[in-house]
Amino acid sequence: MLFKVTRENEITYYVPEHIRKISISPVYGHEDSFDVAFYIDNTMEIVKVFDTFEDAEAFVKKIYQQMIQKDSGDIIDLQTLN
């Protein structure tokens, strides 16, 4: 399985086994928004921004549910994951 992230005109695919941690952080200068980021090696990659912490945490739970389905050969578009 791959996680697909689209940023402006770039598409990046992440291999779940390479994700060391997932974090939720307030957006700098916009404390009412929260970003979800993957840590790949020592690099933080922001994958999606949410209006509430609860929405961000629900998204992390959905990502985790996808990650534990290791036999899937799908590409999961994180922009449309609901």
PDB file of N, CA and C in Angstrom:
ATOM      1  N   MET A   1       0.837  -1.173   0.000  1.00  0.00           N
ATOM      2  CA  MET A   1       0.000   0.000   0.000  1.00  0.00           C
ATOM      3  C   MET A   1       0.886   1.242   0.000  1.00  0.00           C
ATOM      4  N   LEU A   2       0.391   2.271  -0.652  1.00  0.00           N
ATOM      5  CA  LEU A   2       1.054   3.567  -0.648  1.00  0.00           C
ATOM      6  C   LEU A   2       0.053   4.637  -0.224  1.00  0.00           C
ATOM      7  N   PHE A   3       0.535   5.646   0.497  1.00  0.00           N
ATOM      8  CA  PHE A   3      -0.275   6.813   0.822  1.00  0.00           C
ATOM      9  C   PHE A   3       0.101   7.914  -0.164  1.00  0.00           C
ATOM     10  N   LYS A   4      -0.886   8.451  -0.858  1.00  0.00           N
ATOM     11  CA  LYS A   4      -0.675   9.509  -1.852  1.00  0.00           C
ATOM     12  C   LYS A   4      -1.016  10.859  -1.244  1.00  0.00           C
ATOM     13  N   VAL A   5      -0.078  11.815  -1.376  1.00  0.00           N
ATOM     14  CA  VAL A   5      -0.284  13.176  -0.882  1.00  0.00           C
ATOM     15  C   VAL A   5      -0.027  14.133  -2.048  1.00  0.00           C
ATOM     16  N   THR A   6      -1.003  15.009  -2.302  1.00  0.00           N
ATOM     17  CA  THR A   6      -0.881  15.994  -3.374  1.00  0.00           C
ATOM     18  C   THR A   6      -0.682  17.368  -2.756  1.00  0.00           C
ATOM     19  N   ARG A   7       0.399  18.033  -3.164  1.00  0.00           N
ATOM     20  CA  ARG A   7       0.693  19.398  -2.718  1.00  0.00           C
ATOM     21  C   ARG A   7       0.912  20.242  -3.962  1.00  0.00           C
ATOM     22  N   GLU A   8       0.054  21.224  -4.161  1.00  0.00           N
ATOM     23  CA  GLU A   8       0.132  22.113  -5.317  1.00  0.00           C
ATOM     24  C   GLU A   8       0.313  21.287  -6.592  1.00  0.00           C
ATOM     25  N   ASN A   9       1.491  21.265  -7.203  1.00  0.00           N
ATOM     26  CA  ASN A   9       1.689  20.501  -8.434  1.00  0.00           C
ATOM     27  C   ASN A   9       2.628  19.317  -8.234  1.00  0.00           C
ATOM     28  N   GLU A  10       2.724  18.808  -7.015  1.00  0.00           N
ATOM     29  CA  GLU A  10       3.594  17.674  -6.712  1.00  0.00           C
ATOM     30  C   GLU A  10       2.784  16.565  -6.054  1.00  0.00           C
ATOM     31  N   ILE A  11       3.036  15.350  -6.465  1.00  0.00           N
ATOM     32  CA  ILE A  11       2.411  14.188  -5.835  1.00  0.00           C
ATOM     33  C   ILE A  11       3.520  13.344  -5.225  1.00  0.00           C
ATOM     34  N   THR A  12       3.346  13.008  -3.942  1.00  0.00           N
ATOM     35  CA  THR A  12       4.313  12.177  -3.229  1.00  0.00           C
ATOM     36  C   THR A  12       3.604  10.933  -2.722  1.00  0.00           C
ATOM     37  N   TYR A  13       4.288   9.793  -2.796  1.00  0.00           N
ATOM     38  CA  TYR A  13       3.751   8.527  -2.306  1.00  0.00           C
ATOM     39  C   TYR A  13       4.606   8.068  -1.125  1.00  0.00           C
ATOM     40  N   TYR A  14       3.947   7.700  -0.026  1.00  0.00           N
ATOM     41  CA  TYR A  14       4.649   7.263   1.174  1.00  0.00           C
ATOM     42  C   TYR A  14       4.392   5.785   1.417  1.00  0.00           C
ATOM     43  N   VAL A  15       5.435   5.068   1.749  1.00  0.00           N
ATOM     44  CA  VAL A  15       5.341   3.662   2.115  1.00  0.00           C
ATOM     45  C   VAL A  15       5.086   3.602   3.618  1.00  0.00           C
ATOM     46  N   PRO A  16       3.954   3.022   4.046  1.00  0.00           N
ATOM     47  CA  PRO A  16       3.627   3.022   5.471  1.00  0.00           C
ATOM     48  C   PRO A  16       4.730   2.462   6.385  1.00  0.00           C
ATOM     49  N   GLU A  17       5.469   1.479   5.895  1.00  0.00           N
ATOM     50  CA  GLU A  17       6.525   0.888   6.723  1.00  0.00           C
ATOM     51  C   GLU A  17       7.651   1.870   7.020  1.00  0.00           C
ATOM     52  N   HIS A  18       7.757   2.953   6.257  1.00  0.00           N
ATOM     53  CA  HIS A  18       8.813   3.935   6.462  1.00  0.00           C
ATOM     54  C   HIS A  18       8.395   5.072   7.384  1.00  0.00           C
ATOM     55  N   ILE A  19       7.119   5.112   7.741  1.00  0.00           N
ATOM     56  CA  ILE A  19       6.619   6.165   8.620  1.00  0.00           C
ATOM     57  C   ILE A  19       6.993   5.811  10.056  1.00  0.00           C
ATOM     58  N   ARG A  20       7.827   6.632  10.670  1.00  0.00           N
ATOM     59  CA  ARG A  20       8.287   6.352  12.030  1.00  0.00           C
ATOM     60  C   ARG A  20       7.322   6.859  13.076  1.00  0.00           C
ATOM     61  N   LYS A  21       6.632   7.974  12.747  1.00  0.00           N
ATOM     62  CA  LYS A  21       5.670   8.524  13.696  1.00  0.00           C
ATOM     63  C   LYS A  21       4.725   9.436  12.939  1.00  0.00           C
ATOM     64  N   ILE A  22       3.541   9.649  13.531  1.00  0.00           N
ATOM     65  CA  ILE A  22       2.547  10.574  12.998  1.00  0.00           C
ATOM     66  C   ILE A  22       2.255  11.577  14.101  1.00  0.00           C
ATOM     67  N   SER A  23       2.277  12.862  13.752  1.00  0.00           N
ATOM     68  CA  SER A  23       2.035  13.884  14.776  1.00  0.00           C
ATOM     69  C   SER A  23       0.897  14.808  14.360  1.00  0.00           C
ATOM     70  N   ILE A  24       0.292  15.415  15.378  1.00  0.00           N
ATOM     71  CA  ILE A  24      -0.701  16.463  15.191  1.00  0.00           C
ATOM     72  C   ILE A  24      -0.160  17.689  15.911  1.00  0.00           C
ATOM     73  N   SER A  25      -0.084  18.815  15.189  1.00  0.00           N
ATOM     74  CA  SER A  25       0.461  20.039  15.771  1.00  0.00           C
ATOM     75  C   SER A  25      -0.391  21.237  15.377  1.00  0.00           C
ATOM     76  N   PRO A  26      -0.482  22.249  16.260  1.00  0.00           N
ATOM     77  CA  PRO A  26      -1.144  23.486  15.851  1.00  0.00           C
ATOM     78  C   PRO A  26      -0.343  24.134  14.722  1.00  0.00           C
ATOM     79  N   VAL A  27      -1.035  24.729  13.773  1.00  0.00           N
ATOM     80  CA  VAL A  27      -0.373  25.412  12.666  1.00  0.00           C
ATOM     81  C   VAL A  27       0.179  26.737  13.186  1.00  0.00           C
ATOM     82  N   TYR A  28       1.440  26.987  12.924  1.00  0.00           N
ATOM     83  CA  TYR A  28       2.091  28.207  13.398  1.00  0.00           C
ATOM     84  C   TYR A  28       1.358  29.425  12.850  1.00  0.00           C
ATOM     85  N   GLY A  29       0.957  30.300  13.743  1.00  0.00           N
ATOM     86  CA  GLY A  29       0.248  31.510  13.358  1.00  0.00           C
ATOM     87  C   GLY A  29      -1.248  31.318  13.179  1.00  0.00           C
ATOM     88  N   HIS A  30      -1.713  30.074  13.232  1.00  0.00           N
ATOM     89  CA  HIS A  30      -3.140  29.750  13.086  1.00  0.00           C
ATOM     90  C   HIS A  30      -3.472  28.650  14.102  1.00  0.00           C
ATOM     91  N   GLU A  31      -3.442  28.985  15.372  1.00  0.00           N
ATOM     92  CA  GLU A  31      -3.600  27.979  16.416  1.00  0.00           C
ATOM     93  C   GLU A  31      -4.964  27.303  16.411  1.00  0.00           C
ATOM     94  N   ASP A  32      -5.882  27.788  15.562  1.00  0.00           N
ATOM     95  CA  ASP A  32      -7.186  27.141  15.453  1.00  0.00           C
ATOM     96  C   ASP A  32      -7.191  26.089  14.338  1.00  0.00           C
ATOM     97  N   SER A  33      -6.029  25.833  13.722  1.00  0.00           N
ATOM     98  CA  SER A  33      -5.874  24.783  12.712  1.00  0.00           C
ATOM     99  C   SER A  33      -4.796  23.812  13.172  1.00  0.00           C
ATOM    100  N   PHE A  34      -4.900  22.573  12.707  1.00  0.00           N
ATOM    101  CA  PHE A  34      -3.965  21.530  13.121  1.00  0.00           C
ATOM    102  C   PHE A  34      -3.488  20.757  11.906  1.00  0.00           C
ATOM    103  N   ASP A  35      -2.166  20.501  11.858  1.00  0.00           N
ATOM    104  CA  ASP A  35      -1.665  19.699  10.755  1.00  0.00           C
ATOM    105  C   ASP A  35      -1.286  18.309  11.233  1.00  0.00           C
ATOM    106  N   VAL A  36      -1.423  17.369  10.309  1.00  0.00           N
ATOM    107  CA  VAL A  36      -1.009  15.988  10.536  1.00  0.00           C
ATOM    108  C   VAL A  36       0.254  15.790   9.716  1.00  0.00           C
ATOM    109  N   ALA A  37       1.288  15.265  10.360  1.00  0.00           N
ATOM    110  CA  ALA A  37       2.571  15.084   9.678  1.00  0.00           C
ATOM    111  C   ALA A  37       3.095  13.670   9.888  1.00  0.00           C
ATOM    112  N   PHE A  38       3.772  13.172   8.848  1.00  0.00           N
ATOM    113  CA  PHE A  38       4.507  11.915   8.928  1.00  0.00           C
ATOM    114  C   PHE A  38       5.965  12.248   9.212  1.00  0.00           C
ATOM    115  N   TYR A  39       6.621  11.409   9.974  1.00  0.00           N
ATOM    116  CA  TYR A  39       8.061  11.505  10.161  1.00  0.00           C
ATOM    117  C   TYR A  39       8.692  10.340   9.410  1.00  0.00           C
ATOM    118  N   ILE A  40       9.427  10.671   8.371  1.00  0.00           N
ATOM    119  CA  ILE A  40      10.149   9.707   7.556  1.00  0.00           C
ATOM    120  C   ILE A  40      11.624   9.965   7.831  1.00  0.00           C
ATOM    121  N   ASP A  41      12.321   8.966   8.374  1.00  0.00           N
ATOM    122  CA  ASP A  41      13.689   9.175   8.854  1.00  0.00           C
ATOM    123  C   ASP A  41      13.654  10.341   9.846  1.00  0.00           C
ATOM    124  N   ASN A  42      14.374  11.407   9.581  1.00  0.00           N
ATOM    125  CA  ASN A  42      14.359  12.561  10.485  1.00  0.00           C
ATOM    126  C   ASN A  42      13.646  13.760   9.868  1.00  0.00           C
ATOM    127  N   THR A  43      12.830  13.508   8.857  1.00  0.00           N
ATOM    128  CA  THR A  43      12.153  14.582   8.139  1.00  0.00           C
ATOM    129  C   THR A  43      10.660  14.567   8.437  1.00  0.00           C
ATOM    130  N   MET A  44      10.113  15.745   8.762  1.00  0.00           N
ATOM    131  CA  MET A  44       8.681  15.878   8.990  1.00  0.00           C
ATOM    132  C   MET A  44       8.020  16.269   7.677  1.00  0.00           C
ATOM    133  N   GLU A  45       6.984  15.535   7.275  1.00  0.00           N
ATOM    134  CA  GLU A  45       6.251  15.810   6.047  1.00  0.00           C
ATOM    135  C   GLU A  45       4.785  16.058   6.399  1.00  0.00           C
ATOM    136  N   ILE A  46       4.327  17.292   6.266  1.00  0.00           N
ATOM    137  CA  ILE A  46       2.925  17.607   6.547  1.00  0.00           C
ATOM    138  C   ILE A  46       2.074  17.028   5.428  1.00  0.00           C
ATOM    139  N   VAL A  47       1.031  16.272   5.818  1.00  0.00           N
ATOM    140  CA  VAL A  47       0.199  15.611   4.808  1.00  0.00           C
ATOM    141  C   VAL A  47      -1.204  16.186   4.693  1.00  0.00           C
ATOM    142  N   LYS A  48      -1.705  16.836   5.750  1.00  0.00           N
ATOM    143  CA  LYS A  48      -3.048  17.403   5.676  1.00  0.00           C
ATOM    144  C   LYS A  48      -3.267  18.346   6.854  1.00  0.00           C
ATOM    145  N   VAL A  49      -4.119  19.369   6.648  1.00  0.00           N
ATOM    146  CA  VAL A  49      -4.427  20.353   7.685  1.00  0.00           C
ATOM    147  C   VAL A  49      -5.922  20.302   7.974  1.00  0.00           C
ATOM    148  N   PHE A  50      -6.267  20.424   9.255  1.00  0.00           N
ATOM    149  CA  PHE A  50      -7.655  20.332   9.705  1.00  0.00           C
ATOM    150  C   PHE A  50      -8.033  21.543  10.538  1.00  0.00           C
ATOM    151  N   ASP A  51      -9.346  21.804  10.613  1.00  0.00           N
ATOM    152  CA  ASP A  51      -9.857  22.937  11.389  1.00  0.00           C
ATOM    153  C   ASP A  51      -9.914  22.653  12.882  1.00  0.00           C
ATOM    154  N   THR A  52     -10.002  21.371  13.270  1.00  0.00           N
ATOM    155  CA  THR A  52     -10.076  21.025  14.691  1.00  0.00           C
ATOM    156  C   THR A  52      -9.129  19.866  15.007  1.00  0.00           C
ATOM    157  N   PHE A  53      -8.725  19.806  16.267  1.00  0.00           N
ATOM    158  CA  PHE A  53      -7.885  18.694  16.718  1.00  0.00           C
ATOM    159  C   PHE A  53      -8.636  17.374  16.565  1.00  0.00           C
ATOM    160  N   GLU A  54      -9.927  17.387  16.855  1.00  0.00           N
ATOM    161  CA  GLU A  54     -10.731  16.161  16.777  1.00  0.00           C
ATOM    162  C   GLU A  54     -10.768  15.606  15.352  1.00  0.00           C
ATOM    163  N   ASP A  55     -10.892  16.486  14.361  1.00  0.00           N
ATOM    164  CA  ASP A  55     -10.867  16.036  12.965  1.00  0.00           C
ATOM    165  C   ASP A  55      -9.503  15.462  12.599  1.00  0.00           C
ATOM    166  N   ALA A  56      -8.443  16.103  13.071  1.00  0.00           N
ATOM    167  CA  ALA A  56      -7.089  15.611  12.801  1.00  0.00           C
ATOM    168  C   ALA A  56      -6.876  14.240  13.437  1.00  0.00           C
ATOM    169  N   GLU A  57      -7.352  14.066  14.663  1.00  0.00           N
ATOM    170  CA  GLU A  57      -7.185  12.785  15.342  1.00  0.00           C
ATOM    171  C   GLU A  57      -8.010  11.689  14.666  1.00  0.00           C
ATOM    172  N   ALA A  58      -9.203  12.012  14.191  1.00  0.00           N
ATOM    173  CA  ALA A  58     -10.017  11.033  13.468  1.00  0.00           C
ATOM    174  C   ALA A  58      -9.300  10.599  12.189  1.00  0.00           C
ATOM    175  N   PHE A  59      -8.632  11.538  11.522  1.00  0.00           N
ATOM    176  CA  PHE A  59      -7.868  11.230  10.325  1.00  0.00           C
ATOM    177  C   PHE A  59      -6.707  10.282  10.644  1.00  0.00           C
ATOM    178  N   VAL A  60      -5.995  10.547  11.744  1.00  0.00           N
ATOM    179  CA  VAL A  60      -4.892   9.670  12.161  1.00  0.00           C
ATOM    180  C   VAL A  60      -5.411   8.256  12.415  1.00  0.00           C
ATOM    181  N   LYS A  61      -6.575   8.141  13.033  1.00  0.00           N
ATOM    182  CA  LYS A  61      -7.161   6.816  13.274  1.00  0.00           C
ATOM    183  C   LYS A  61      -7.445   6.096  11.960  1.00  0.00           C
ATOM    184  N   LYS A  62      -7.932   6.826  10.961  1.00  0.00           N
ATOM    185  CA  LYS A  62      -8.204   6.222   9.654  1.00  0.00           C
ATOM    186  C   LYS A  62      -6.915   5.776   8.973  1.00  0.00           C
ATOM    187  N   ILE A  63      -5.877   6.604   9.092  1.00  0.00           N
ATOM    188  CA  ILE A  63      -4.569   6.218   8.536  1.00  0.00           C
ATOM    189  C   ILE A  63      -4.088   4.936   9.199  1.00  0.00           C
ATOM    190  N   TYR A  64      -4.197   4.874  10.509  1.00  0.00           N
ATOM    191  CA  TYR A  64      -3.747   3.683  11.235  1.00  0.00           C
ATOM    192  C   TYR A  64      -4.522   2.443  10.799  1.00  0.00           C
ATOM    193  N   GLN A  65      -5.824   2.589  10.612  1.00  0.00           N
ATOM    194  CA  GLN A  65      -6.631   1.455  10.148  1.00  0.00           C
ATOM    195  C   GLN A  65      -6.144   0.962   8.791  1.00  0.00           C
ATOM    196  N   GLN A  66      -5.751   1.881   7.928  1.00  0.00           N
ATOM    197  CA  GLN A  66      -5.210   1.498   6.625  1.00  0.00           C
ATOM    198  C   GLN A  66      -3.840   0.823   6.786  1.00  0.00           C
ATOM    199  N   MET A  67      -3.030   1.333   7.695  1.00  0.00           N
ATOM    200  CA  MET A  67      -1.679   0.795   7.883  1.00  0.00           C
ATOM    201  C   MET A  67      -1.684  -0.637   8.383  1.00  0.00           C
ATOM    202  N   ILE A  68      -2.668  -1.013   9.194  1.00  0.00           N
ATOM    203  CA  ILE A  68      -2.666  -2.369   9.731  1.00  0.00           C
ATOM    204  C   ILE A  68      -3.196  -3.389   8.722  1.00  0.00           C
ATOM    205  N   GLN A  69      -3.696  -2.914   7.586  1.00  0.00           N
ATOM    206  CA  GLN A  69      -4.097  -3.809   6.493  1.00  0.00           C
ATOM    207  C   GLN A  69      -2.907  -3.969   5.556  1.00  0.00           C
ATOM    208  N   LYS A  70      -1.890  -4.659   5.999  1.00  0.00           N
ATOM    209  CA  LYS A  70      -0.604  -4.731   5.304  1.00  0.00           C
ATOM    210  C   LYS A  70      -0.671  -5.411   3.939  1.00  0.00           C
ATOM    211  N   ASP A  71      -1.661  -6.232   3.691  1.00  0.00           N
ATOM    212  CA  ASP A  71      -1.712  -6.973   2.444  1.00  0.00           C
ATOM    213  C   ASP A  71      -2.307  -6.184   1.291  1.00  0.00           C
ATOM    214  N   SER A  72      -2.739  -4.976   1.535  1.00  0.00           N
ATOM    215  CA  SER A  72      -3.375  -4.168   0.506  1.00  0.00           C
ATOM    216  C   SER A  72      -2.335  -3.650  -0.490  1.00  0.00           C
ATOM    217  N   GLY A  73      -2.639  -3.747  -1.770  1.00  0.00           N
ATOM    218  CA  GLY A  73      -1.772  -3.202  -2.807  1.00  0.00           C
ATOM    219  C   GLY A  73      -2.305  -1.890  -3.337  1.00  0.00           C
ATOM    220  N   ASP A  74      -3.194  -1.251  -2.592  1.00  0.00           N
ATOM    221  CA  ASP A  74      -3.854  -0.037  -3.043  1.00  0.00           C
ATOM    222  C   ASP A  74      -3.006   1.209  -2.851  1.00  0.00           C
ATOM    223  N   ILE A  75      -3.378   2.244  -3.588  1.00  0.00           N
ATOM    224  CA  ILE A  75      -2.853   3.590  -3.342  1.00  0.00           C
ATOM    225  C   ILE A  75      -3.988   4.355  -2.662  1.00  0.00           C
ATOM    226  N   ILE A  76      -3.735   4.839  -1.464  1.00  0.00           N
ATOM    227  CA  ILE A  76      -4.721   5.555  -0.675  1.00  0.00           C
ATOM    228  C   ILE A  76      -4.457   7.043  -0.802  1.00  0.00           C
ATOM    229  N   ASP A  77      -5.386   7.778  -1.399  1.00  0.00           N
ATOM    230  CA  ASP A  77      -5.261   9.224  -1.551  1.00  0.00           C
ATOM    231  C   ASP A  77      -5.675   9.885  -0.243  1.00  0.00           C
ATOM    232  N   LEU A  78      -4.726  10.472   0.467  1.00  0.00           N
ATOM    233  CA  LEU A  78      -5.006  11.049   1.781  1.00  0.00           C
ATOM    234  C   LEU A  78      -5.851  12.325   1.681  1.00  0.00           C
ATOM    235  N   GLN A  79      -5.894  12.949   0.518  1.00  0.00           N
ATOM    236  CA  GLN A  79      -6.710  14.138   0.356  1.00  0.00           C
ATOM    237  C   GLN A  79      -8.203  13.778   0.344  1.00  0.00           C
ATOM    238  N   THR A  80      -8.534  12.570  -0.057  1.00  0.00           N
ATOM    239  CA  THR A  80      -9.941  12.163  -0.144  1.00  0.00           C
ATOM    240  C   THR A  80     -10.328  11.143   0.914  1.00  0.00           C
ATOM    241  N   LEU A  81      -9.389  10.731   1.764  1.00  0.00           N
ATOM    242  CA  LEU A  81      -9.698   9.765   2.824  1.00  0.00           C
ATOM    243  C   LEU A  81     -10.643  10.400   3.829  1.00  0.00           C
ATOM    244  N   ASN A  82     -11.819   9.816   3.970  1.00  0.00           N
ATOM    245  CA  ASN A  82     -12.818  10.348   4.917  1.00  0.00           C
ATOM    246  C   ASN A  82     -13.061   9.383   6.039  1.00  0.00           C
TER     247      ASN A  82
END
